[in-house]
Amino acid sequence: MVAYSYHSNGHLALVSSENTVHRREHDALLRLIVKWRLEAGLSQRQLSARLQKRHNFIVEIETGQRGVSVVELVDIVRALELTVPQALNEYAKALTEPGSLP
């Protein structure tokens, strides 16, 4: 199971990962979603509201309790006023450049 902890500065940190279902790529995506949301100045509840989802939708995604489909990722990216190519490029960079993960 993946466990995350919030630091006092609002950033999400991976505490442990015992389940092999959660790969480095998945963790990178979760961290980027958090980063993008914080850069947009939105709370998890505010982003969930923009997506017209229940209030804990983003909480479950960011903490790894729930997966995110490609369609949902596109919706999240657009709700954060990013472009899909911009988000995918940042994700690819996070996977290929050491130390670039948030």
Protein backbone atom coordinates (compact mmCIF):
# COMPACT_ATOMS: atom_id res chain seq x y z
CA MET A 1 0.00 0.00 0.00
CA VAL A 2 1.15 3.54 -0.71
CA ALA A 3 1.18 5.96 2.16
CA TYR A 4 1.58 9.69 1.83
CA SER A 5 2.12 12.42 4.34
CA TYR A 6 1.49 16.13 3.99
CA HIS A 7 4.28 18.43 5.08
CA SER A 8 3.48 21.71 6.82
CA ASN A 9 4.23 23.49 3.54
CA GLY A 10 1.36 21.60 1.88
CA HIS A 11 3.50 19.30 -0.23
CA LEU A 12 2.77 15.63 -0.49
CA ALA A 13 5.55 13.16 0.27
CA LEU A 14 5.66 9.42 -0.32
CA VAL A 15 6.19 7.68 3.01
CA SER A 16 6.17 4.04 1.97
CA SER A 17 5.32 1.87 -0.97
CA GLU A 18 4.87 -1.81 -0.28
CA ASN A 19 2.52 -2.68 -3.14
CA THR A 20 4.15 -3.31 -6.49
CA VAL A 21 1.02 -2.05 -8.27
CA HIS A 22 2.21 1.48 -7.49
CA ARG A 23 5.18 2.15 -9.69
CA ARG A 24 7.55 5.07 -9.90
CA GLU A 25 5.57 6.34 -12.89
CA HIS A 26 2.35 6.35 -10.89
CA ASP A 27 3.99 8.16 -7.98
CA ALA A 28 5.41 10.76 -10.38
CA LEU A 29 1.96 11.43 -11.80
CA LEU A 30 0.42 11.82 -8.34
CA ARG A 31 3.13 14.25 -7.30
CA LEU A 32 2.64 16.28 -10.46
CA ILE A 33 -1.11 16.50 -9.91
CA VAL A 34 -0.41 17.88 -6.43
CA LYS A 35 2.19 20.30 -7.81
CA TRP A 36 -0.12 21.55 -10.55
CA ARG A 37 -3.01 22.00 -8.11
CA LEU A 38 -0.87 23.95 -5.65
CA GLU A 39 0.53 26.11 -8.44
CA ALA A 40 -3.06 26.89 -9.46
CA GLY A 41 -3.74 27.94 -5.87
CA LEU A 42 -6.55 25.43 -5.41
CA SER A 43 -7.45 23.20 -2.53
CA GLN A 44 -8.39 19.58 -3.16
CA ARG A 45 -12.02 20.49 -2.50
CA GLN A 46 -11.91 23.40 -4.96
CA LEU A 47 -10.43 21.24 -7.72
CA SER A 48 -13.02 18.53 -7.05
CA ALA A 49 -15.74 21.19 -7.35
CA ARG A 50 -14.32 22.42 -10.67
CA LEU A 51 -14.54 18.85 -11.91
CA GLN A 52 -18.09 18.53 -10.53
CA LYS A 53 -16.99 15.52 -8.47
CA ARG A 54 -17.59 14.65 -4.84
CA HIS A 55 -15.44 16.64 -2.40
CA ASN A 56 -12.90 13.87 -1.73
CA PHE A 57 -12.31 12.87 -5.38
CA ILE A 58 -8.93 14.62 -5.63
CA VAL A 59 -7.93 13.49 -2.13
CA GLU A 60 -8.36 9.87 -3.18
CA ILE A 61 -6.34 10.38 -6.37
CA GLU A 62 -3.52 12.31 -4.71
CA THR A 63 -3.16 9.77 -1.91
CA GLY A 64 -3.16 6.79 -4.24
CA GLN A 65 -6.45 5.41 -2.89
CA ARG A 66 -7.93 5.72 -6.35
CA GLY A 67 -6.46 5.43 -9.80
CA VAL A 68 -6.91 8.07 -12.45
CA SER A 69 -7.94 7.26 -16.00
CA VAL A 70 -6.59 9.08 -19.03
CA VAL A 71 -9.97 10.80 -19.48
CA GLU A 72 -9.97 11.93 -15.84
CA LEU A 73 -6.37 13.14 -16.15
CA VAL A 74 -7.33 15.25 -19.18
CA ASP A 75 -10.24 16.70 -17.19
CA ILE A 76 -7.94 17.48 -14.24
CA VAL A 77 -5.32 19.09 -16.47
CA ARG A 78 -7.92 21.27 -18.19
CA ALA A 79 -9.52 22.23 -14.84
CA LEU A 80 -6.08 23.41 -13.75
CA GLU A 81 -5.90 25.52 -16.92
CA LEU A 82 -2.96 23.58 -18.34
CA THR A 83 -2.77 22.08 -21.80
CA VAL A 84 -2.60 18.33 -22.23
CA PRO A 85 0.69 18.51 -24.19
CA GLN A 86 2.19 20.75 -21.50
CA ALA A 87 1.20 18.31 -18.75
CA LEU A 88 2.41 15.25 -20.68
CA ASN A 89 5.72 16.93 -21.46
CA GLU A 90 6.24 17.72 -17.77
CA TYR A 91 5.35 14.13 -16.88
CA ALA A 92 7.81 12.76 -19.45
CA LYS A 93 10.51 15.08 -18.14
CA ALA A 94 9.84 13.91 -14.57
CA LEU A 95 10.37 10.32 -15.66
CA THR A 96 13.54 10.89 -17.63
CA GLU A 97 15.48 13.52 -15.67
CA PRO A 98 16.88 12.48 -12.30
CA GLY A 99 15.90 14.84 -9.54
CA SER A 100 13.13 16.47 -11.56
CA LEU A 101 10.31 14.81 -9.64
CA PRO A 102 8.49 17.21 -7.34
